[in-house]
Protein backbone atom coordinates (compact mmCIF):
# COMPACT_ATOMS: atom_id res chain seq x y z
CA MET A 1 -113.58 0.78 38.53
CA LYS A 2 -110.41 0.61 41.40
CA LYS A 3 -110.40 -1.57 44.25
CA SER A 4 -110.93 -0.66 47.44
CA LYS A 5 -107.67 -1.39 49.93
CA TYR A 6 -110.45 -2.81 52.13
CA THR A 7 -111.43 -5.71 50.02
CA PRO A 8 -110.40 -8.52 50.81
CA GLY A 9 -107.66 -10.29 48.38
CA GLY A 10 -109.11 -13.36 48.20
CA PHE A 11 -106.17 -15.23 48.58
CA SER A 12 -106.09 -19.19 49.38
CA LEU A 13 -106.52 -19.14 53.47
CA ALA A 14 -106.58 -22.89 55.39
CA VAL A 15 -107.40 -23.58 59.14
CA LYS A 16 -104.69 -26.47 60.26
CA ARG A 17 -103.00 -26.97 63.21
CA ALA A 18 -100.97 -24.90 65.18
CA ARG A 19 -99.34 -24.08 68.15
CA ALA A 20 -101.66 -22.11 69.91
CA GLY A 21 -104.84 -25.08 68.84
CA ARG A 22 -105.97 -24.21 65.12
CA GLY A 23 -104.94 -21.48 63.01
CA LEU A 24 -105.11 -19.86 60.01
CA PHE A 25 -102.34 -20.07 57.56
CA ALA A 26 -101.76 -18.94 53.69
CA GLN A 27 -101.96 -21.03 51.05
CA GLU A 28 -99.92 -18.68 48.18
CA PRO A 29 -98.23 -15.74 48.36
CA ILE A 30 -99.47 -12.51 49.95
CA PRO A 31 -97.80 -9.21 48.99
CA LYS A 32 -97.33 -6.36 51.60
CA GLY A 33 -99.55 -3.85 52.59
CA VAL A 34 -103.38 -5.76 51.38
CA CYS A 35 -106.22 -6.72 52.81
CA VAL A 36 -106.01 -9.83 53.64
CA ILE A 37 -109.26 -11.35 55.48
CA GLU A 38 -111.98 -9.06 56.88
CA TYR A 39 -113.21 -10.54 60.53
CA THR A 40 -116.90 -10.52 60.60
CA GLY A 41 -119.64 -11.37 63.43
CA ARG A 42 -122.39 -9.98 65.18
CA THR A 43 -122.99 -6.94 66.69
CA LEU A 44 -123.74 -7.80 70.71
CA ASP A 45 -125.84 -4.87 72.64
CA GLU A 46 -124.52 -3.93 75.95
CA GLU A 47 -125.62 -6.16 78.13
CA GLU A 48 -124.21 -9.05 75.77
CA GLU A 49 -120.72 -7.59 75.68
CA LEU A 50 -120.47 -7.96 79.60
CA THR A 51 -122.02 -11.45 80.18
CA SER A 52 -120.67 -12.62 76.45
CA ARG A 53 -118.49 -16.07 77.82
CA SER A 54 -116.63 -15.50 73.65
CA ARG A 55 -113.09 -15.16 73.51
CA TYR A 56 -113.49 -13.39 70.22
CA LEU A 57 -115.13 -10.61 71.20
CA PHE A 58 -113.27 -7.59 68.69
CA GLU A 59 -114.17 -3.89 70.46
CA VAL A 60 -114.76 -2.21 66.95
CA THR A 61 -115.75 1.68 68.77
CA ALA A 62 -116.63 2.47 72.01
CA LYS A 63 -119.88 1.49 71.19
CA LYS A 64 -119.78 -0.99 68.77
CA THR A 65 -118.31 -4.94 69.78
CA ILE A 66 -118.98 -7.90 67.30
CA ASP A 67 -118.34 -11.04 68.44
CA GLY A 68 -116.30 -13.60 65.72
CA TRP A 69 -117.45 -17.37 67.31
CA ASP A 70 -119.15 -17.98 63.87
CA LYS A 71 -116.90 -20.36 61.64
CA ALA A 72 -118.02 -18.72 59.27
CA ASN A 73 -115.83 -15.99 60.18
CA THR A 74 -112.36 -17.57 59.12
CA ALA A 75 -110.59 -14.69 60.75
CA ARG A 76 -111.33 -15.77 64.19
CA TYR A 77 -108.55 -18.96 63.67
CA ILE A 78 -105.92 -15.90 63.14
CA ASN A 79 -103.70 -16.24 66.67
CA HIS A 80 -101.71 -13.84 68.52
CA SER A 81 -98.37 -13.18 67.60
CA CYS A 82 -95.39 -10.56 69.51
CA ARG A 83 -93.75 -10.36 65.83
CA PRO A 84 -96.74 -10.70 64.10
CA ASN A 85 -97.33 -10.27 59.81
CA CYS A 86 -100.37 -8.91 59.88
CA GLU A 87 -101.74 -5.98 61.42
CA ILE A 88 -105.38 -4.46 62.37
CA ASP A 89 -106.96 -1.62 60.80
CA ILE A 90 -110.85 -0.68 61.47
CA HIS A 91 -112.57 1.54 58.78
CA ARG A 92 -116.18 2.65 58.94
CA GLY A 93 -117.22 0.25 61.55
CA ARG A 94 -115.67 -2.73 59.85
CA VAL A 95 -112.66 -4.71 60.56
CA PHE A 96 -110.24 -5.83 57.93
CA VAL A 97 -106.88 -7.60 58.74
CA MET A 98 -103.86 -6.32 56.64
CA SER A 99 -100.55 -8.03 55.84
CA LYS A 100 -98.01 -6.00 57.12
CA ARG A 101 -94.81 -7.82 54.94
CA ALA A 102 -95.03 -10.22 52.17
CA ILE A 103 -96.19 -13.78 53.66
CA LYS A 104 -95.37 -16.69 52.11
CA PRO A 105 -97.55 -19.91 51.21
CA GLY A 106 -97.56 -22.40 54.54
CA GLU A 107 -96.37 -19.33 57.02
CA GLU A 108 -99.23 -18.97 59.68
CA LEU A 109 -100.51 -15.06 59.82
CA GLY A 110 -100.38 -13.51 63.25
CA TYR A 111 -101.60 -10.23 64.54
CA ASN A 112 -100.72 -8.58 68.12
CA TYR A 113 -103.72 -9.36 70.29
CA GLY A 114 -102.75 -5.61 72.80
CA LYS A 115 -101.90 -5.49 76.17
CA THR A 116 -105.16 -5.86 77.58
CA TYR A 117 -106.25 -9.43 76.44
CA PHE A 118 -102.18 -10.63 75.97
CA ASP A 119 -102.17 -9.69 79.87
CA GLU A 120 -105.46 -11.38 80.76
CA PHE A 121 -105.73 -15.09 78.66
CA ILE A 122 -101.90 -15.08 76.83
CA LYS A 123 -99.58 -14.80 79.36
CA PRO A 124 -100.72 -16.46 82.44
CA ILE A 125 -100.18 -19.52 80.22
CA GLY A 126 -97.17 -18.69 78.56
CA CYS A 127 -97.18 -17.05 74.64
CA ARG A 128 -97.12 -20.33 71.91
CA CYS A 129 -95.98 -17.26 69.08
CA VAL A 130 -93.02 -18.15 66.82
CA LYS A 131 -90.81 -15.49 68.77
CA CYS A 132 -91.47 -16.47 71.94
CA MET A 133 -91.15 -20.20 70.96
CA PRO A 134 -89.11 -20.14 67.95
CA GLU A 135 -88.86 -23.76 65.72
CA PRO A 136 -85.86 -24.85 66.42
CA LYS A 137 -83.25 -25.43 64.19
CA GLY A 138 -83.73 -27.95 61.03
CA GLY A 139 -87.62 -28.21 61.63
CA ALA A 140 -86.56 -31.41 64.17
CA LYS A 141 -89.59 -31.69 66.52
CA LYS A 142 -89.06 -29.96 70.17
CA SER A 143 -88.50 -32.22 73.00
CA SER A 144 -90.70 -32.74 75.51
CA ALA A 145 -89.05 -29.82 78.05
CA LYS A 146 -91.12 -27.14 78.82
CA LYS A 147 -89.43 -23.02 79.28
CA PRO A 148 -89.86 -21.63 82.69
CA SER A 149 -91.86 -18.53 81.02
CA ALA A 150 -94.30 -20.87 79.86
CA LYS A 151 -96.19 -21.70 82.52
CA LYS A 152 -99.93 -23.14 82.85
CA ALA A 153 -102.36 -22.75 85.39
CA ALA A 154 -102.86 -24.98 87.54
């Protein structure tokens, strides 16, 4: 029987320290165009959706939002990226993380969280993705000087 495009590939992934706290990293090569992992969580009712303080809410449809807060949802560790290597594909009310390109071992997974989330939570403190804060050449540690665009809210 043929495997569905929405079957997660069973790739070896690891939660590690990242620029934005914790991140999810590939431990092995991941080919382009495959399902990497599913974003899972409890479906919220309308009142819970409006009152929740979780930052792991994922609007699946206008009537369905899931809360990916549970640590069993490893996909919750995927950070925002302005130059993502993954993208979201919603299929039959479920949220799948798909690879946009080949991903190398040791590379952090990232997808674009969208304008609303970016403007509300990321922009005020400055984006810390690889595109916005590139690694210094030679892999040396970055100086403690901060970019003017990465101001933190007081």
